PDB file of N, CA and C in Angstrom:
ATOM      1  N   MET A   1     -24.655  38.943  10.005  1.00  0.00           N
ATOM      2  CA  MET A   1     -24.946  37.701  10.692  1.00  0.00           C
ATOM      3  C   MET A   1     -23.790  36.721  10.564  1.00  0.00           C
ATOM      4  N   ARG A   2     -23.156  36.665   9.423  1.00  0.00           N
ATOM      5  CA  ARG A   2     -22.085  35.694   9.222  1.00  0.00           C
ATOM      6  C   ARG A   2     -20.846  36.052  10.048  1.00  0.00           C
ATOM      7  N   GLU A   3     -20.601  37.342  10.226  1.00  0.00           N
ATOM      8  CA  GLU A   3     -19.393  37.770  10.928  1.00  0.00           C
ATOM      9  C   GLU A   3     -19.441  37.445  12.412  1.00  0.00           C
ATOM     10  N   ASN A   4     -20.622  37.370  12.984  1.00  0.00           N
ATOM     11  CA  ASN A   4     -20.739  37.137  14.423  1.00  0.00           C
ATOM     12  C   ASN A   4     -21.292  35.754  14.745  1.00  0.00           C
ATOM     13  N   SER A   5     -21.145  34.819  13.832  1.00  0.00           N
ATOM     14  CA  SER A   5     -21.550  33.416  14.015  1.00  0.00           C
ATOM     15  C   SER A   5     -23.030  33.280  14.358  1.00  0.00           C
ATOM     16  N   ARG A   6     -23.867  34.121  13.747  1.00  0.00           N
ATOM     17  CA  ARG A   6     -25.319  34.057  13.916  1.00  0.00           C
ATOM     18  C   ARG A   6     -25.748  34.218  15.369  1.00  0.00           C
ATOM     19  N   ARG A   7     -25.065  35.079  16.099  1.00  0.00           N
ATOM     20  CA  ARG A   7     -25.437  35.317  17.492  1.00  0.00           C
ATOM     21  C   ARG A   7     -26.296  36.565  17.656  1.00  0.00           C
ATOM     22  N   TYR A   8     -26.503  37.313  16.589  1.00  0.00           N
ATOM     23  CA  TYR A   8     -27.277  38.548  16.664  1.00  0.00           C
ATOM     24  C   TYR A   8     -28.738  38.264  16.360  1.00  0.00           C
ATOM     25  N   GLY A   9     -29.608  38.595  17.300  1.00  0.00           N
ATOM     26  CA  GLY A   9     -31.035  38.574  17.052  1.00  0.00           C
ATOM     27  C   GLY A   9     -31.464  39.949  16.567  1.00  0.00           C
ATOM     28  N   SER A  10     -32.762  40.139  16.381  1.00  0.00           N
ATOM     29  CA  SER A  10     -33.236  41.411  15.835  1.00  0.00           C
ATOM     30  C   SER A  10     -32.920  42.610  16.731  1.00  0.00           C
ATOM     31  N   PRO A  11     -32.949  42.513  18.067  1.00  0.00           N
ATOM     32  CA  PRO A  11     -32.596  43.681  18.869  1.00  0.00           C
ATOM     33  C   PRO A  11     -31.142  44.124  18.672  1.00  0.00           C
ATOM     34  N   ARG A  12     -30.228  43.174  18.583  1.00  0.00           N
ATOM     35  CA  ARG A  12     -28.823  43.533  18.393  1.00  0.00           C
ATOM     36  C   ARG A  12     -28.560  44.023  16.977  1.00  0.00           C
ATOM     37  N   VAL A  13     -29.264  43.466  15.993  1.00  0.00           N
ATOM     38  CA  VAL A  13     -29.122  43.954  14.618  1.00  0.00           C
ATOM     39  C   VAL A  13     -29.622  45.390  14.546  1.00  0.00           C
ATOM     40  N   LEU A  14     -30.752  45.669  15.196  1.00  0.00           N
ATOM     41  CA  LEU A  14     -31.299  47.024  15.212  1.00  0.00           C
ATOM     42  C   LEU A  14     -30.316  47.993  15.864  1.00  0.00           C
ATOM     43  N   GLU A  15     -29.710  47.582  16.963  1.00  0.00           N
ATOM     44  CA  GLU A  15     -28.729  48.425  17.646  1.00  0.00           C
ATOM     45  C   GLU A  15     -27.520  48.693  16.752  1.00  0.00           C
ATOM     46  N   ALA A  16     -27.047  47.670  16.053  1.00  0.00           N
ATOM     47  CA  ALA A  16     -25.898  47.839  15.152  1.00  0.00           C
ATOM     48  C   ALA A  16     -26.251  48.767  13.991  1.00  0.00           C
ATOM     49  N   LEU A  17     -27.467  48.659  13.482  1.00  0.00           N
ATOM     50  CA  LEU A  17     -27.892  49.545  12.393  1.00  0.00           C
ATOM     51  C   LEU A  17     -27.970  50.996  12.863  1.00  0.00           C
ATOM     52  N   LYS A  18     -28.465  51.205  14.082  1.00  0.00           N
ATOM     53  CA  LYS A  18     -28.547  52.566  14.615  1.00  0.00           C
ATOM     54  C   LYS A  18     -27.156  53.172  14.795  1.00  0.00           C
ATOM     55  N   GLU A  19     -26.183  52.334  15.210  1.00  0.00           N
ATOM     56  CA  GLU A  19     -24.804  52.820  15.357  1.00  0.00           C
ATOM     57  C   GLU A  19     -24.224  53.243  14.013  1.00  0.00           C
ATOM     58  N   GLN A  20     -24.678  52.614  12.933  1.00  0.00           N
ATOM     59  CA  GLN A  20     -24.195  52.959  11.596  1.00  0.00           C
ATOM     60  C   GLN A  20     -25.013  54.093  10.974  1.00  0.00           C
ATOM     61  N   GLY A  21     -26.007  54.595  11.701  1.00  0.00           N
ATOM     62  CA  GLY A  21     -26.797  55.712  11.210  1.00  0.00           C
ATOM     63  C   GLY A  21     -28.001  55.325  10.379  1.00  0.00           C
ATOM     64  N   VAL A  22     -28.344  54.051  10.334  1.00  0.00           N
ATOM     65  CA  VAL A  22     -29.501  53.584   9.567  1.00  0.00           C
ATOM     66  C   VAL A  22     -30.743  53.712  10.445  1.00  0.00           C
ATOM     67  N   LYS A  23     -31.778  54.337   9.913  1.00  0.00           N
ATOM     68  CA  LYS A  23     -33.023  54.495  10.653  1.00  0.00           C
ATOM     69  C   LYS A  23     -33.951  53.343  10.293  1.00  0.00           C
ATOM     70  N   ALA A  24     -34.296  52.551  11.292  1.00  0.00           N
ATOM     71  CA  ALA A  24     -35.208  51.422  11.091  1.00  0.00           C
ATOM     72  C   ALA A  24     -35.885  51.130  12.420  1.00  0.00           C
ATOM     73  N   GLY A  25     -37.042  50.519  12.346  1.00  0.00           N
ATOM     74  CA  GLY A  25     -37.770  50.130  13.546  1.00  0.00           C
ATOM     75  C   GLY A  25     -37.565  48.653  13.848  1.00  0.00           C
ATOM     76  N   ARG A  26     -37.913  48.281  15.069  1.00  0.00           N
ATOM     77  CA  ARG A  26     -37.682  46.884  15.481  1.00  0.00           C
ATOM     78  C   ARG A  26     -38.547  45.909  14.695  1.00  0.00           C
ATOM     79  N   HIS A  27     -39.767  46.317  14.351  1.00  0.00           N
ATOM     80  CA  HIS A  27     -40.649  45.419  13.596  1.00  0.00           C
ATOM     81  C   HIS A  27     -40.139  45.222  12.166  1.00  0.00           C
ATOM     82  N   LEU A  28     -39.605  46.275  11.579  1.00  0.00           N
ATOM     83  CA  LEU A  28     -39.050  46.168  10.229  1.00  0.00           C
ATOM     84  C   LEU A  28     -37.849  45.226  10.222  1.00  0.00           C
ATOM     85  N   VAL A  29     -36.963  45.403  11.197  1.00  0.00           N
ATOM     86  CA  VAL A  29     -35.770  44.545  11.269  1.00  0.00           C
ATOM     87  C   VAL A  29     -36.183  43.095  11.485  1.00  0.00           C
ATOM     88  N   ARG A  30     -37.145  42.873  12.387  1.00  0.00           N
ATOM     89  CA  ARG A  30     -37.602  41.503  12.647  1.00  0.00           C
ATOM     90  C   ARG A  30     -38.219  40.885  11.395  1.00  0.00           C
ATOM     91  N   ARG A  31     -39.055  41.655  10.689  1.00  0.00           N
ATOM     92  CA  ARG A  31     -39.704  41.131   9.482  1.00  0.00           C
ATOM     93  C   ARG A  31     -38.683  40.820   8.396  1.00  0.00           C
ATOM     94  N   LEU A  32     -37.710  41.715   8.200  1.00  0.00           N
ATOM     95  CA  LEU A  32     -36.687  41.476   7.177  1.00  0.00           C
ATOM     96  C   LEU A  32     -35.832  40.254   7.520  1.00  0.00           C
ATOM     97  N   MET A  33     -35.531  40.086   8.797  1.00  0.00           N
ATOM     98  CA  MET A  33     -34.764  38.901   9.199  1.00  0.00           C
ATOM     99  C   MET A  33     -35.567  37.629   8.953  1.00  0.00           C
ATOM    100  N   GLN A  34     -36.864  37.668   9.211  1.00  0.00           N
ATOM    101  CA  GLN A  34     -37.705  36.495   8.969  1.00  0.00           C
ATOM    102  C   GLN A  34     -37.802  36.183   7.486  1.00  0.00           C
ATOM    103  N   GLU A  35     -37.891  37.218   6.656  1.00  0.00           N
ATOM    104  CA  GLU A  35     -37.966  36.999   5.207  1.00  0.00           C
ATOM    105  C   GLU A  35     -36.676  36.387   4.666  1.00  0.00           C
ATOM    106  N   GLN A  36     -35.544  36.717   5.269  1.00  0.00           N
ATOM    107  CA  GLN A  36     -34.252  36.186   4.831  1.00  0.00           C
ATOM    108  C   GLN A  36     -33.897  34.870   5.539  1.00  0.00           C
ATOM    109  N   ASP A  37     -34.793  34.380   6.387  1.00  0.00           N
ATOM    110  CA  ASP A  37     -34.548  33.172   7.197  1.00  0.00           C
ATOM    111  C   ASP A  37     -33.305  33.315   8.062  1.00  0.00           C
ATOM    112  N   TRP A  38     -33.128  34.495   8.627  1.00  0.00           N
ATOM    113  CA  TRP A  38     -32.021  34.729   9.553  1.00  0.00           C
ATOM    114  C   TRP A  38     -32.531  34.487  10.958  1.00  0.00           C
ATOM    115  N   GLN A  39     -31.950  33.525  11.623  1.00  0.00           N
ATOM    116  CA  GLN A  39     -32.313  33.252  13.005  1.00  0.00           C
ATOM    117  C   GLN A  39     -31.049  33.181  13.832  1.00  0.00           C
ATOM    118  N   ALA A  40     -31.089  33.833  14.966  1.00  0.00           N
ATOM    119  CA  ALA A  40     -29.952  33.767  15.874  1.00  0.00           C
ATOM    120  C   ALA A  40     -29.949  32.405  16.558  1.00  0.00           C
ATOM    121  N   ILE A  41     -28.770  31.888  16.799  1.00  0.00           N
ATOM    122  CA  ILE A  41     -28.637  30.620  17.511  1.00  0.00           C
ATOM    123  C   ILE A  41     -28.871  30.898  18.989  1.00  0.00           C
ATOM    124  N   GLN A  42     -29.844  30.219  19.559  1.00  0.00           N
ATOM    125  CA  GLN A  42     -30.161  30.417  20.966  1.00  0.00           C
ATOM    126  C   GLN A  42     -29.231  29.564  21.822  1.00  0.00           C
ATOM    127  N   PRO A  43     -28.702  30.137  22.907  1.00  0.00           N
ATOM    128  CA  PRO A  43     -27.861  29.324  23.784  1.00  0.00           C
ATOM    129  C   PRO A  43     -28.706  28.274  24.495  1.00  0.00           C
ATOM    130  N   ARG A  44     -28.095  27.164  24.800  1.00  0.00           N
ATOM    131  CA  ARG A  44     -28.807  26.122  25.525  1.00  0.00           C
ATOM    132  C   ARG A  44     -29.073  26.596  26.946  1.00  0.00           C
ATOM    133  N   SER A  45     -30.196  26.173  27.483  1.00  0.00           N
ATOM    134  CA  SER A  45     -30.507  26.557  28.851  1.00  0.00           C
ATOM    135  C   SER A  45     -29.615  25.762  29.804  1.00  0.00           C
ATOM    136  N   PHE A  46     -29.277  26.374  30.918  1.00  0.00           N
ATOM    137  CA  PHE A  46     -28.375  25.766  31.887  1.00  0.00           C
ATOM    138  C   PHE A  46     -29.088  24.659  32.640  1.00  0.00           C
ATOM    139  N   VAL A  47     -28.490  23.487  32.675  1.00  0.00           N
ATOM    140  CA  VAL A  47     -29.012  22.364  33.436  1.00  0.00           C
ATOM    141  C   VAL A  47     -27.899  21.902  34.364  1.00  0.00           C
ATOM    142  N   PRO A  48     -28.064  22.103  35.674  1.00  0.00           N
ATOM    143  CA  PRO A  48     -26.989  21.708  36.581  1.00  0.00           C
ATOM    144  C   PRO A  48     -26.830  20.189  36.623  1.00  0.00           C
ATOM    145  N   LYS A  49     -25.606  19.749  36.721  1.00  0.00           N
ATOM    146  CA  LYS A  49     -25.314  18.321  36.830  1.00  0.00           C
ATOM    147  C   LYS A  49     -24.954  18.044  38.283  1.00  0.00           C
ATOM    148  N   THR A  50     -25.881  17.426  38.992  1.00  0.00           N
ATOM    149  CA  THR A  50     -25.692  17.242  40.425  1.00  0.00           C
ATOM    150  C   THR A  50     -25.371  15.807  40.813  1.00  0.00           C
ATOM    151  N   THR A  51     -25.524  14.877  39.912  1.00  0.00           N
ATOM    152  CA  THR A  51     -25.330  13.475  40.261  1.00  0.00           C
ATOM    153  C   THR A  51     -24.150  12.901  39.491  1.00  0.00           C
ATOM    154  N   ASN A  52     -23.232  12.296  40.228  1.00  0.00           N
ATOM    155  CA  ASN A  52     -22.126  11.577  39.615  1.00  0.00           C
ATOM    156  C   ASN A  52     -22.404  10.093  39.813  1.00  0.00           C
ATOM    157  N   SER A  53     -22.972   9.457  38.819  1.00  0.00           N
ATOM    158  CA  SER A  53     -23.349   8.052  38.944  1.00  0.00           C
ATOM    159  C   SER A  53     -22.205   7.108  38.625  1.00  0.00           C
ATOM    160  N   ARG A  54     -21.077   7.616  38.208  1.00  0.00           N
ATOM    161  CA  ARG A  54     -19.957   6.752  37.812  1.00  0.00           C
ATOM    162  C   ARG A  54     -18.819   6.785  38.828  1.00  0.00           C
ATOM    163  N   HIS A  55     -19.134   6.933  40.091  1.00  0.00           N
ATOM    164  CA  HIS A  55     -18.086   7.029  41.097  1.00  0.00           C
ATOM    165  C   HIS A  55     -17.568   5.672  41.540  1.00  0.00           C
ATOM    166  N   GLY A  56     -18.290   4.593  41.264  1.00  0.00           N
ATOM    167  CA  GLY A  56     -17.817   3.255  41.587  1.00  0.00           C
ATOM    168  C   GLY A  56     -18.007   2.866  43.042  1.00  0.00           C
ATOM    169  N   LEU A  57     -18.628   3.700  43.838  1.00  0.00           N
ATOM    170  CA  LEU A  57     -18.864   3.388  45.241  1.00  0.00           C
ATOM    171  C   LEU A  57     -20.264   2.826  45.414  1.00  0.00           C
ATOM    172  N   ILE A  58     -20.425   1.962  46.402  1.00  0.00           N
ATOM    173  CA  ILE A  58     -21.750   1.434  46.683  1.00  0.00           C
ATOM    174  C   ILE A  58     -22.531   2.520  47.426  1.00  0.00           C
ATOM    175  N   ALA A  59     -23.783   2.672  47.094  1.00  0.00           N
ATOM    176  CA  ALA A  59     -24.581   3.751  47.673  1.00  0.00           C
ATOM    177  C   ALA A  59     -24.809   3.522  49.166  1.00  0.00           C
ATOM    178  N   CYS A  60     -25.206   2.344  49.526  1.00  0.00           N
ATOM    179  CA  CYS A  60     -25.467   2.034  50.922  1.00  0.00           C
ATOM    180  C   CYS A  60     -25.342   0.516  51.083  1.00  0.00           C
ATOM    181  N   PRO A  61     -24.686   0.068  52.148  1.00  0.00           N
ATOM    182  CA  PRO A  61     -24.574  -1.385  52.317  1.00  0.00           C
ATOM    183  C   PRO A  61     -25.942  -2.011  52.593  1.00  0.00           C
ATOM    184  N   ASN A  62     -26.124  -3.236  52.145  1.00  0.00           N
ATOM    185  CA  ASN A  62     -27.378  -3.953  52.330  1.00  0.00           C
ATOM    186  C   ASN A  62     -27.392  -4.558  53.729  1.00  0.00           C
ATOM    187  N   ARG A  63     -28.115  -3.929  54.632  1.00  0.00           N
ATOM    188  CA  ARG A  63     -28.174  -4.387  56.029  1.00  0.00           C
ATOM    189  C   ARG A  63     -29.032  -5.643  56.193  1.00  0.00           C
ATOM    190  N   LEU A  64     -29.878  -5.953  55.211  1.00  0.00           N
ATOM    191  CA  LEU A  64     -30.724  -7.141  55.334  1.00  0.00           C
ATOM    192  C   LEU A  64     -29.917  -8.429  55.254  1.00  0.00           C
ATOM    193  N   ILE A  65     -28.739  -8.355  54.645  1.00  0.00           N
ATOM    194  CA  ILE A  65     -27.904  -9.552  54.536  1.00  0.00           C
ATOM    195  C   ILE A  65     -27.461 -10.024  55.917  1.00  0.00           C
ATOM    196  N   GLU A  66     -27.254  -9.085  56.845  1.00  0.00           N
ATOM    197  CA  GLU A  66     -26.802  -9.435  58.196  1.00  0.00           C
ATOM    198  C   GLU A  66     -27.834 -10.280  58.942  1.00  0.00           C
ATOM    199  N   PHE A  67     -29.123 -10.077  58.658  1.00  0.00           N
ATOM    200  CA  PHE A  67     -30.181 -10.737  59.415  1.00  0.00           C
ATOM    201  C   PHE A  67     -30.723 -11.988  58.742  1.00  0.00           C
ATOM    202  N   GLY A  68     -30.296 -12.279  57.545  1.00  0.00           N
ATOM    203  CA  GLY A  68     -30.807 -13.438  56.829  1.00  0.00           C
ATOM    204  C   GLY A  68     -32.182 -13.163  56.243  1.00  0.00           C
ATOM    205  N   LYS A  69     -32.780 -14.187  55.663  1.00  0.00           N
ATOM    206  CA  LYS A  69     -34.086 -14.017  55.035  1.00  0.00           C
ATOM    207  C   LYS A  69     -35.166 -13.923  56.111  1.00  0.00           C
ATOM    208  N   PRO A  70     -36.136 -13.028  55.923  1.00  0.00           N
ATOM    209  CA  PRO A  70     -37.240 -12.962  56.884  1.00  0.00           C
ATOM    210  C   PRO A  70     -38.103 -14.221  56.790  1.00  0.00           C
ATOM    211  N   THR A  71     -38.572 -14.687  57.940  1.00  0.00           N
ATOM    212  CA  THR A  71     -39.382 -15.911  57.972  1.00  0.00           C
ATOM    213  C   THR A  71     -40.873 -15.618  58.029  1.00  0.00           C
ATOM    214  N   SER A  72     -41.237 -14.370  58.360  1.00  0.00           N
ATOM    215  CA  SER A  72     -42.650 -14.001  58.386  1.00  0.00           C
ATOM    216  C   SER A  72     -42.791 -12.528  57.988  1.00  0.00           C
ATOM    217  N   PRO A  73     -44.011 -12.096  57.678  1.00  0.00           N
ATOM    218  CA  PRO A  73     -44.209 -10.694  57.290  1.00  0.00           C
ATOM    219  C   PRO A  73     -43.856  -9.733  58.427  1.00  0.00           C
ATOM    220  N   ASN A  74     -43.520  -8.522  58.072  1.00  0.00           N
ATOM    221  CA  ASN A  74     -43.204  -7.422  58.983  1.00  0.00           C
ATOM    222  C   ASN A  74     -41.922  -7.639  59.784  1.00  0.00           C
ATOM    223  N   GLN A  75     -41.045  -8.500  59.357  1.00  0.00           N
ATOM    224  CA  GLN A  75     -39.752  -8.654  60.025  1.00  0.00           C
ATOM    225  C   GLN A  75     -38.713  -7.695  59.459  1.00  0.00           C
ATOM    226  N   ALA A  76     -38.891  -7.274  58.226  1.00  0.00           N
ATOM    227  CA  ALA A  76     -37.935  -6.356  57.604  1.00  0.00           C
ATOM    228  C   ALA A  76     -38.703  -5.311  56.798  1.00  0.00           C
ATOM    229  N   TRP A  77     -38.372  -4.064  57.066  1.00  0.00           N
ATOM    230  CA  TRP A  77     -38.968  -2.958  56.323  1.00  0.00           C
ATOM    231  C   TRP A  77     -37.843  -2.176  55.666  1.00  0.00           C
ATOM    232  N   VAL A  78     -38.125  -1.642  54.501  1.00  0.00           N
ATOM    233  CA  VAL A  78     -37.144  -0.801  53.816  1.00  0.00           C
ATOM    234  C   VAL A  78     -37.820   0.506  53.419  1.00  0.00           C
ATOM    235  N   GLY A  79     -37.015   1.519  53.217  1.00  0.00           N
ATOM    236  CA  GLY A  79     -37.537   2.820  52.800  1.00  0.00           C
ATOM    237  C   GLY A  79     -36.570   3.481  51.841  1.00  0.00           C
ATOM    238  N   ASP A  80     -37.046   4.525  51.226  1.00  0.00           N
ATOM    239  CA  ASP A  80     -36.223   5.233  50.256  1.00  0.00           C
ATOM    240  C   ASP A  80     -36.666   6.684  50.225  1.00  0.00           C
ATOM    241  N   ILE A  81     -35.769   7.541  49.826  1.00  0.00           N
ATOM    242  CA  ILE A  81     -36.117   8.940  49.623  1.00  0.00           C
ATOM    243  C   ILE A  81     -35.744   9.314  48.200  1.00  0.00           C
ATOM    244  N   SER A  82     -36.397  10.300  47.699  1.00  0.00           N
ATOM    245  CA  SER A  82     -36.018  10.819  46.386  1.00  0.00           C
ATOM    246  C   SER A  82     -35.873  12.327  46.520  1.00  0.00           C
ATOM    247  N   ALA A  83     -34.766  12.822  46.049  1.00  0.00           N
ATOM    248  CA  ALA A  83     -34.493  14.255  46.124  1.00  0.00           C
ATOM    249  C   ALA A  83     -34.830  14.900  44.789  1.00  0.00           C
ATOM    250  N   PRO A  84     -35.335  16.119  44.828  1.00  0.00           N
ATOM    251  CA  PRO A  84     -35.683  16.791  43.566  1.00  0.00           C
ATOM    252  C   PRO A  84     -34.478  17.142  42.741  1.00  0.00           C
TER     253      PRO A  84
END
Protein backbone atom coordinates (compact mmCIF):
# COMPACT_ATOMS: atom_id res chain seq x y z
CA MET A 1 0.00 0.00 0.00
CA ARG A 2 2.78 2.45 0.81
CA GLU A 3 4.61 1.88 -2.47
CA ASN A 4 1.63 2.82 -4.62
CA SER A 5 0.44 5.84 -2.58
CA ARG A 6 -2.59 3.95 -1.21
CA ARG A 7 -4.22 3.61 -4.62
CA TYR A 8 -4.76 -0.15 -4.37
CA GLY A 9 -8.14 -1.36 -3.18
CA SER A 10 -8.88 -4.98 -2.32
CA PRO A 11 -9.40 -6.11 -5.95
CA ARG A 12 -5.99 -4.81 -7.03
CA VAL A 13 -4.30 -6.18 -3.90
CA LEU A 14 -5.87 -9.58 -4.65
CA GLU A 15 -4.62 -9.41 -8.24
CA ALA A 16 -1.10 -8.50 -7.08
CA LEU A 17 -1.11 -11.38 -4.59
CA LYS A 18 -2.19 -13.83 -7.30
CA GLU A 19 0.67 -12.62 -9.53
CA GLN A 20 3.07 -13.42 -6.68
CA GLY A 21 1.57 -16.90 -6.31
CA VAL A 22 -0.32 -16.27 -3.06
CA LYS A 23 -3.67 -18.04 -2.88
CA ALA A 24 -6.32 -15.88 -1.23
CA GLY A 25 -9.95 -15.00 -1.78
CA ARG A 26 -11.45 -11.55 -2.24
CA HIS A 27 -13.31 -11.67 1.08
CA LEU A 28 -10.15 -12.61 2.97
CA VAL A 29 -8.19 -9.77 1.38
CA ARG A 30 -10.99 -7.30 2.08
CA ARG A 31 -11.29 -8.42 5.72
CA LEU A 32 -7.52 -8.25 6.30
CA MET A 33 -7.37 -4.78 4.78
CA GLN A 34 -10.21 -3.64 7.05
CA GLU A 35 -8.48 -5.08 10.12
CA GLN A 36 -5.30 -3.16 9.23
CA ASP A 37 -7.29 0.04 8.48
CA TRP A 38 -6.01 0.03 4.91
CA GLN A 39 -8.24 2.10 2.68
CA ALA A 40 -7.55 3.11 -0.87
CA ILE A 41 -7.83 6.81 -1.61
CA GLN A 42 -10.87 7.29 -3.81
CA PRO A 43 -10.51 9.73 -6.70
CA ARG A 44 -12.78 12.74 -6.60
CA SER A 45 -15.78 12.55 -8.85
CA PHE A 46 -15.62 14.71 -11.97
CA VAL A 47 -17.56 17.96 -11.75
CA PRO A 48 -17.52 19.98 -14.96
CA LYS A 49 -16.86 23.69 -14.60
CA THR A 50 -19.16 25.40 -17.06
CA THR A 51 -19.48 28.91 -15.68
CA ASN A 52 -16.80 31.58 -15.74
CA SER A 53 -18.17 34.21 -13.39
CA ARG A 54 -14.98 36.28 -13.33
CA HIS A 55 -14.96 37.44 -16.94
CA GLY A 56 -15.68 41.08 -16.07
CA LEU A 57 -18.35 41.47 -18.76
CA ILE A 58 -21.88 42.61 -18.08
CA ALA A 59 -24.33 39.77 -18.61
CA CYS A 60 -27.01 41.80 -20.34
CA PRO A 61 -27.59 45.55 -20.61
CA ASN A 62 -30.46 46.94 -18.55
CA ARG A 63 -33.04 47.94 -21.16
CA LEU A 64 -35.38 49.41 -18.53
CA ILE A 65 -33.05 52.38 -18.12
CA GLU A 66 -33.90 53.51 -21.67
CA PHE A 67 -37.61 53.84 -20.85
CA GLY A 68 -37.38 55.47 -17.43
CA LYS A 69 -39.39 54.46 -14.39
CA PRO A 70 -42.78 52.87 -15.05
CA THR A 71 -45.69 55.08 -14.01
CA SER A 72 -48.31 52.33 -13.74
CA PRO A 73 -48.47 48.53 -13.41
CA ASN A 74 -47.83 46.29 -16.44
CA GLN A 75 -45.65 48.83 -18.25
CA ALA A 76 -42.48 46.79 -17.81
CA TRP A 77 -42.08 43.04 -17.57
CA VAL A 78 -38.89 41.10 -17.00
CA GLY A 79 -38.04 37.43 -17.32
CA ASP A 80 -35.21 35.08 -16.61
CA ILE A 81 -34.11 31.59 -17.49
CA SER A 82 -32.08 29.15 -15.51
CA ALA A 83 -30.01 26.48 -17.17
CA PRO A 84 -29.28 23.16 -15.48
